[in-house]
């Protein structure tokens, strides 16, 4: 029996200052150092589309679409038309009757995208189990999570009917299998503006999100055990909050860190060999300085067999120690490249999810 962690993370927008929100909206990497990973406008929706469908590197073999098409952007636009068009036309008719044509809404998708007070869409990421658990499993075992995530999608739709889902994609190419869900939360019977509007704050409150997470985690472990024929349990919930990815949460960084720990002993051995080499070097210098000139051949020195063996042994030590240091040098270069990789490949970094 294993204890598995469960995470259900809702994209957040915690920066209320206009300058902070503007910076988050226009970050070229598709993410931000600010505590903000909400889908706020059409530009950011396009970035999420490229990330979720692996359009940055044309690597779509290890993703599985369980709802929607191959274009998240178009799926969300179509959802807006399906859900809000009737309300938009109704609202425009009312404005026309009041002689307020200037208030008419031409495109509700664009209106919300241009409005800094609303998120255009919301993303939920669901994950069961951590890297340590999934590292021991083969691809066939991992891909059985498809049925588990399909049930999670159905459960979420039943629990939160006012969250209209446009897209659901499983990623099998990262640390552990996880599900990306993108949709639009809706509030109804509004007194001001359109009768039907985007309403993240109404659908996902602190209390409702906590209830959703509690129910979803219970349903997830039940689906998992049924699918795999196991009897695993969930780890106890831990207090946490949404936060952005840190360099230490990069998969490559963790792999390198593990590699360094594995080679720690090798580094210690190399250091010891280096110290011994310093001592042997002094002995070899004394031997060379004390060589006697051969009595017959000019510019030739004689050497005893023991001294000859000592020099050969020294050369072997030098070669052996150099090999060890070449290995440590490669590890050092790898770590020095972490910061560069973080800057160049931010769009490939998995969002750090809230651990429950």
Protein backbone atom coordinates (compact mmCIF):
# COMPACT_ATOMS: atom_id res chain seq x y z
CA UNK A 1 0.00 0.00 0.00
CA UNK A 2 1.38 3.41 -1.06
CA UNK A 3 0.49 6.88 0.16
CA UNK A 4 -0.02 9.16 -2.83
CA UNK A 5 -0.08 12.95 -2.89
CA UNK A 6 -2.93 14.72 -4.70
CA UNK A 7 -2.92 18.18 -6.21
CA UNK A 8 -5.71 20.28 -7.71
CA UNK A 9 -4.39 23.73 -8.62
CA UNK A 10 -6.49 26.62 -9.94
CA UNK A 11 -4.58 29.30 -11.85
CA UNK A 12 -4.46 32.48 -9.81
CA UNK A 13 -4.15 36.23 -10.17
CA UNK A 14 -2.99 37.64 -6.84
CA UNK A 15 -1.45 40.85 -8.11
CA UNK A 16 -4.10 43.53 -7.86
CA UNK A 17 -1.95 46.52 -8.81
CA UNK A 18 -2.43 47.51 -12.49
CA UNK A 19 1.35 47.60 -13.06
CA UNK A 20 1.80 44.06 -11.71
CA UNK A 21 -1.14 42.72 -13.71
CA UNK A 22 0.15 44.37 -16.87
CA UNK A 23 3.60 42.84 -16.35
CA UNK A 24 2.07 39.39 -15.87
CA UNK A 25 -0.12 39.74 -18.96
CA UNK A 26 2.81 40.61 -21.23
CA UNK A 27 5.59 38.34 -19.96
CA UNK A 28 7.15 36.85 -23.11
CA UNK A 29 7.95 33.56 -21.38
CA UNK A 30 4.30 32.69 -20.82
CA UNK A 31 4.82 32.60 -17.08
CA UNK A 32 5.91 35.12 -14.50
CA UNK A 33 8.06 35.59 -11.45
CA UNK A 34 5.02 37.23 -9.89
CA UNK A 35 2.45 35.10 -8.10
CA UNK A 36 0.21 35.08 -11.15
CA UNK A 37 -0.49 32.31 -13.65
CA UNK A 38 -4.08 33.11 -14.61
CA UNK A 39 -5.23 33.19 -18.24
CA UNK A 40 -6.07 36.88 -18.34
CA UNK A 41 -6.31 37.69 -22.04
CA UNK A 42 -6.19 36.29 -25.58
CA UNK A 43 -2.41 36.65 -25.76
CA UNK A 44 -1.88 34.53 -22.67
CA UNK A 45 -4.49 32.02 -23.85
CA UNK A 46 -2.42 31.58 -27.00
CA UNK A 47 0.69 30.89 -24.89
CA UNK A 48 -1.16 28.28 -22.83
CA UNK A 49 -2.39 26.72 -26.09
CA UNK A 50 1.19 26.37 -27.35
CA UNK A 51 2.42 25.01 -24.02
CA UNK A 52 -0.37 22.50 -23.43
CA UNK A 53 -0.25 21.15 -26.98
CA UNK A 54 3.57 21.19 -27.10
CA UNK A 55 3.54 23.52 -30.11
CA UNK A 56 6.81 25.13 -29.02
CA UNK A 57 8.83 22.01 -29.81
CA UNK A 58 6.43 20.00 -32.01
CA UNK A 59 6.46 17.27 -29.37
CA UNK A 60 2.84 16.16 -29.19
CA UNK A 61 3.31 12.37 -29.08
CA UNK A 62 3.11 12.19 -25.29
CA UNK A 63 -0.03 14.25 -24.78
CA UNK A 64 -3.57 12.94 -24.93
CA UNK A 65 -6.61 15.11 -25.64
CA UNK A 66 -9.70 13.92 -23.78
CA UNK A 67 -11.86 16.98 -24.47
CA UNK A 68 -11.64 19.63 -27.18
CA UNK A 69 -9.77 19.89 -30.45
CA UNK A 70 -6.12 20.54 -31.28
CA UNK A 71 -6.61 24.28 -30.74
CA UNK A 72 -7.28 25.47 -27.20
CA UNK A 73 -7.60 29.04 -28.46
CA UNK A 74 -10.42 28.17 -30.88
CA UNK A 75 -12.10 25.91 -28.31
CA UNK A 76 -12.35 28.79 -25.83
CA UNK A 77 -13.55 31.22 -28.50
CA UNK A 78 -16.24 28.76 -29.58
CA UNK A 79 -17.27 28.25 -25.95
CA UNK A 80 -17.76 32.02 -25.62
CA UNK A 81 -20.03 32.02 -28.66
CA UNK A 82 -21.99 29.02 -27.40
CA UNK A 83 -22.43 30.32 -23.85
CA UNK A 84 -22.65 34.11 -24.21
CA UNK A 85 -23.93 34.98 -27.70
CA UNK A 86 -27.60 34.84 -26.77
CA UNK A 87 -27.02 37.02 -23.71
CA UNK A 88 -24.93 39.46 -25.78
CA UNK A 89 -27.68 39.88 -28.41
CA UNK A 90 -30.29 40.30 -25.68
CA UNK A 91 -28.17 42.97 -23.97
CA UNK A 92 -27.55 44.82 -27.24
CA UNK A 93 -31.28 44.85 -27.95
CA UNK A 94 -31.94 46.46 -24.57
CA UNK A 95 -29.31 49.14 -25.24
CA UNK A 96 -30.81 49.85 -28.66
CA UNK A 97 -34.27 50.31 -27.10
CA UNK A 98 -32.74 52.77 -24.61
CA UNK A 99 -30.99 54.66 -27.39
CA UNK A 100 -27.57 53.64 -26.02
CA UNK A 101 -25.96 52.06 -29.07
CA UNK A 102 -22.57 53.18 -27.72
CA UNK A 103 -22.89 50.52 -25.00
CA UNK A 104 -23.41 47.63 -27.38
CA UNK A 105 -20.97 44.72 -27.17
CA UNK A 106 -19.60 43.61 -30.53
CA UNK A 107 -17.41 40.74 -29.32
CA UNK A 108 -17.69 39.48 -25.73
CA UNK A 109 -14.49 37.39 -26.03
CA UNK A 110 -12.53 40.52 -27.00
CA UNK A 111 -14.28 42.63 -24.36
CA UNK A 112 -13.20 40.28 -21.55
CA UNK A 113 -9.70 39.91 -23.02
CA UNK A 114 -9.26 43.68 -22.97
CA UNK A 115 -10.70 44.03 -19.45
CA UNK A 116 -8.05 43.86 -16.71
CA UNK A 117 -10.68 43.06 -14.06
CA UNK A 118 -11.61 39.63 -15.49
CA UNK A 119 -9.76 36.47 -16.43
CA UNK A 120 -10.58 35.25 -19.92
CA UNK A 121 -10.44 31.59 -18.84
CA UNK A 122 -9.29 29.43 -15.94
CA UNK A 123 -6.88 26.49 -15.91
CA UNK A 124 -7.01 23.64 -13.42
CA UNK A 125 -4.13 21.16 -13.13
CA UNK A 126 -4.71 17.79 -11.47
CA UNK A 127 -1.95 15.40 -10.44
CA UNK A 128 -1.87 12.18 -8.41
CA UNK A 129 1.45 10.86 -7.09
CA UNK A 130 4.88 12.48 -7.20
CA UNK A 131 8.11 12.01 -9.16
CA UNK A 132 9.46 9.41 -6.75
CA UNK A 133 6.37 7.24 -7.27
CA UNK A 134 6.14 7.57 -11.06
CA UNK A 135 9.87 7.15 -11.70
CA UNK A 136 9.47 3.44 -10.87
CA UNK A 137 6.60 2.91 -13.36
CA UNK A 138 6.76 2.07 -17.07
CA UNK A 139 4.82 3.84 -19.83
CA UNK A 140 2.08 1.20 -19.96
CA UNK A 141 1.39 1.66 -16.26
CA UNK A 142 1.40 5.45 -16.58
CA UNK A 143 -1.01 5.53 -19.50
CA UNK A 144 -3.66 3.74 -17.51
CA UNK A 145 -4.12 7.13 -15.84
CA UNK A 146 -6.12 8.17 -18.91
CA UNK A 147 -9.25 6.50 -17.54
CA UNK A 148 -8.62 7.97 -14.09
CA UNK A 149 -8.34 11.49 -15.51
CA UNK A 150 -11.44 11.00 -17.67
CA UNK A 151 -13.39 10.20 -14.51
CA UNK A 152 -11.87 13.26 -12.81
CA UNK A 153 -13.08 15.40 -15.71
CA UNK A 154 -16.61 14.00 -15.41
CA UNK A 155 -16.55 14.44 -11.62
CA UNK A 156 -15.47 18.08 -11.96
CA UNK A 157 -18.24 18.81 -14.44
CA UNK A 158 -20.82 17.36 -12.04
CA UNK A 159 -19.39 19.15 -8.99
CA UNK A 160 -19.00 22.53 -10.72
CA UNK A 161 -21.65 22.77 -13.44
CA UNK A 162 -21.05 26.52 -13.80
CA UNK A 163 -17.47 25.87 -14.92
CA UNK A 164 -17.82 25.19 -18.65
CA UNK A 165 -14.86 23.12 -19.86
CA UNK A 166 -13.37 23.82 -23.28
CA UNK A 167 -10.28 21.62 -23.19
CA UNK A 168 -8.73 18.77 -21.23
CA UNK A 169 -5.26 17.40 -22.03
CA UNK A 170 -3.11 14.78 -20.30
CA UNK A 171 0.67 15.26 -20.27
CA UNK A 172 2.76 12.10 -20.09
CA UNK A 173 6.09 13.76 -20.93
CA UNK A 174 6.92 15.37 -17.58
CA UNK A 175 7.72 14.29 -14.03
CA UNK A 176 4.39 12.56 -13.53
CA UNK A 177 1.13 12.22 -15.50
CA UNK A 178 -1.09 15.26 -14.97
CA UNK A 179 -4.25 16.76 -16.43
CA UNK A 180 -4.66 20.33 -17.77
CA UNK A 181 -8.27 21.54 -17.81
CA UNK A 182 -9.18 24.92 -19.31
CA UNK A 183 -12.66 26.38 -19.06
CA UNK A 184 -14.78 29.42 -18.33
CA UNK A 185 -16.66 29.98 -15.03
CA UNK A 186 -20.10 31.58 -15.55
CA UNK A 187 -22.41 33.62 -13.33
CA UNK A 188 -26.09 34.04 -14.16
CA UNK A 189 -28.99 36.50 -13.64
CA UNK A 190 -26.79 39.57 -13.42
CA UNK A 191 -28.56 42.87 -12.80
CA UNK A 192 -25.90 44.97 -14.50
CA UNK A 193 -24.63 44.27 -18.00
CA UNK A 194 -25.30 40.97 -19.73
CA UNK A 195 -27.52 38.55 -17.85
CA UNK A 196 -24.85 35.84 -18.32
CA UNK A 197 -21.20 36.75 -17.69
CA UNK A 198 -17.74 35.42 -16.87
CA UNK A 199 -17.57 34.96 -13.09
CA UNK A 200 -14.47 33.33 -11.65
CA UNK A 201 -14.91 34.96 -8.23
CA UNK A 202 -18.49 33.73 -8.00
CA UNK A 203 -17.78 30.12 -8.99
CA UNK A 204 -14.42 29.62 -7.28
CA UNK A 205 -14.49 31.09 -3.79
CA UNK A 206 -12.05 30.05 -1.08
CA UNK A 207 -14.69 27.84 0.54
CA UNK A 208 -16.03 26.33 -2.68
CA UNK A 209 -12.52 25.56 -3.93
CA UNK A 210 -11.69 23.80 -0.66
CA UNK A 211 -14.86 21.70 -0.96
CA UNK A 212 -14.11 20.88 -4.60
CA UNK A 213 -10.57 19.81 -3.74
CA UNK A 214 -11.74 17.59 -0.86
CA UNK A 215 -14.30 15.80 -3.01
CA UNK A 216 -12.09 15.50 -6.07
CA UNK A 217 -9.17 13.97 -4.17
CA UNK A 218 -11.46 11.34 -2.63
CA UNK A 219 -12.97 10.51 -6.01
CA UNK A 220 -9.51 10.38 -7.63
CA UNK A 221 -7.99 7.77 -5.31
CA UNK A 222 -11.14 5.66 -5.67
CA UNK A 223 -10.89 5.81 -9.48
CA UNK A 224 -7.16 5.04 -9.32
CA UNK A 225 -7.58 1.97 -7.12
CA UNK A 226 -10.41 0.69 -9.31
CA UNK A 227 -8.42 1.17 -12.52
CA UNK A 228 -5.19 -0.37 -11.19
CA UNK A 229 -6.66 -2.99 -8.86
CA UNK A 230 -4.76 -1.52 -5.91
CA UNK A 231 -5.55 -0.36 -2.39
CA UNK A 232 -3.52 2.82 -2.09
CA UNK A 233 -4.39 5.74 0.17
CA UNK A 234 -3.90 9.50 0.00
CA UNK A 235 -1.33 11.44 1.96
CA UNK A 236 -2.76 13.82 4.51
CA UNK A 237 -3.53 17.27 3.18
CA UNK A 238 -0.86 19.87 3.81
CA UNK A 239 -1.40 23.59 4.00
CA UNK A 240 -0.16 25.35 0.90
CA UNK A 241 -0.80 28.13 -1.53
CA UNK A 242 -0.51 28.74 -5.25
CA UNK A 243 2.98 29.79 -6.26
CA UNK A 244 5.07 29.93 -9.40
CA UNK A 245 7.75 27.50 -10.43
CA UNK A 246 11.20 27.84 -8.92
CA UNK A 247 14.42 26.69 -10.54
CA UNK A 248 14.68 23.90 -7.94
CA UNK A 249 11.40 22.42 -9.20
CA UNK A 250 12.74 21.95 -12.72
CA UNK A 251 12.87 18.26 -13.64
CA UNK A 252 16.37 18.63 -15.08
CA UNK A 253 17.61 20.39 -11.97
CA UNK A 254 16.33 17.62 -9.71
CA UNK A 255 17.98 14.99 -11.92
CA UNK A 256 21.27 16.86 -11.77
CA UNK A 257 21.01 17.22 -8.02
CA UNK A 258 20.48 13.48 -7.66
CA UNK A 259 23.44 12.88 -9.95
CA UNK A 260 25.63 15.11 -7.78
CA UNK A 261 24.59 13.25 -4.63
CA UNK A 262 25.43 9.97 -6.34
CA UNK A 263 28.87 11.28 -7.30
CA UNK A 264 29.65 12.86 -3.95
CA UNK A 265 31.75 9.87 -2.97
CA UNK A 266 33.60 10.00 -6.29
CA UNK A 267 34.42 13.66 -5.64
CA UNK A 268 35.82 12.81 -2.22
CA UNK A 269 37.99 10.05 -3.73
CA UNK A 270 39.25 12.44 -6.42
CA UNK A 271 40.16 15.01 -3.76
CA UNK A 272 42.04 12.39 -1.76
CA UNK A 273 43.93 11.28 -4.88
CA UNK A 274 44.88 14.88 -5.57
CA UNK A 275 46.40 15.26 -2.09
CA UNK A 276 48.36 12.02 -2.51
CA UNK A 277 49.53 13.26 -5.90
CA UNK A 278 50.98 16.43 -4.36
CA UNK A 279 53.01 14.34 -1.92
CA UNK A 280 54.22 11.93 -4.62
CA UNK A 281 55.23 14.86 -6.83
CA UNK A 282 57.76 16.01 -4.21
CA UNK A 283 59.25 12.50 -4.05
CA UNK A 284 59.57 12.33 -7.84
CA UNK A 285 61.28 15.74 -7.93
CA UNK A 286 63.85 14.51 -5.38
CA UNK A 287 64.45 11.37 -7.44
CA UNK A 288 65.02 13.36 -10.65
CA UNK A 289 67.29 15.89 -8.92
CA UNK A 290 69.46 13.04 -7.56
CA UNK A 291 69.94 11.25 -10.88
CA UNK A 292 73.62 10.57 -11.72
CA UNK A 293 75.18 11.20 -15.12
CA UNK A 294 76.16 8.14 -17.11
CA UNK A 295 80.02 7.87 -17.33
CA UNK A 296 80.17 7.14 -21.09
CA UNK A 297 77.18 8.64 -22.97
CA UNK A 298 76.94 12.44 -22.91
CA UNK A 299 73.72 14.08 -21.59
CA UNK A 300 72.46 10.75 -20.31
CA UNK A 301 71.48 9.87 -16.74
CA UNK A 302 71.27 6.53 -15.03
CA UNK A 303 68.24 5.43 -13.03
CA UNK A 304 67.62 2.47 -10.80
CA UNK A 305 64.81 0.03 -11.48
CA UNK A 306 63.03 1.06 -8.26
CA UNK A 307 63.13 4.73 -9.28
CA UNK A 308 61.90 3.81 -12.77
CA UNK A 309 58.93 1.96 -11.25
CA UNK A 310 58.25 4.92 -8.97
CA UNK A 311 58.01 7.31 -11.96
CA UNK A 312 55.78 4.93 -13.93
CA UNK A 313 53.47 4.61 -10.92
CA UNK A 314 53.38 8.41 -10.63
CA UNK A 315 52.39 8.81 -14.30
CA UNK A 316 49.57 6.30 -13.80
CA UNK A 317 48.30 8.27 -10.80
CA UNK A 318 48.32 11.50 -12.79
CA UNK A 319 46.28 9.93 -15.58
CA UNK A 320 43.81 8.36 -13.14
CA UNK A 321 43.34 11.60 -11.20
CA UNK A 322 42.84 13.60 -14.40
CA UNK A 323 40.01 11.27 -15.43
CA UNK A 324 38.25 11.82 -12.10
CA UNK A 325 38.55 15.59 -12.38
CA UNK A 326 37.21 15.58 -15.94
CA UNK A 327 34.04 13.94 -14.59
CA UNK A 328 33.65 16.56 -11.87
CA UNK A 329 34.27 19.32 -14.39
CA UNK A 330 31.37 18.07 -16.54
CA UNK A 331 29.05 18.15 -13.51
CA UNK A 332 30.12 21.71 -12.77
CA UNK A 333 29.42 22.83 -16.34
CA UNK A 334 25.99 21.20 -16.18
CA UNK A 335 25.04 23.18 -13.07
CA UNK A 336 26.32 26.42 -14.58
CA UNK A 337 23.90 25.89 -17.48
CA UNK A 338 20.83 25.75 -15.21
CA UNK A 339 20.23 29.50 -15.16
CA UNK A 340 20.60 29.72 -18.94
CA UNK A 341 18.17 26.87 -19.45
CA UNK A 342 15.67 28.50 -17.13
CA UNK A 343 15.69 31.69 -19.19
CA UNK A 344 15.55 30.01 -22.59
CA UNK A 345 12.97 27.33 -21.84
CA UNK A 346 10.56 28.87 -19.33
CA UNK A 347 7.59 27.87 -21.47
CA UNK A 348 8.59 24.23 -20.99
CA UNK A 349 8.64 24.43 -17.21
CA UNK A 350 5.79 22.70 -15.49
CA UNK A 351 3.70 24.93 -13.22
CA UNK A 352 4.31 24.15 -9.57
CA UNK A 353 1.00 22.87 -8.25
CA UNK A 354 -0.46 23.38 -4.81
CA UNK A 355 0.17 20.27 -2.73
CA UNK A 356 -2.79 19.14 -0.74
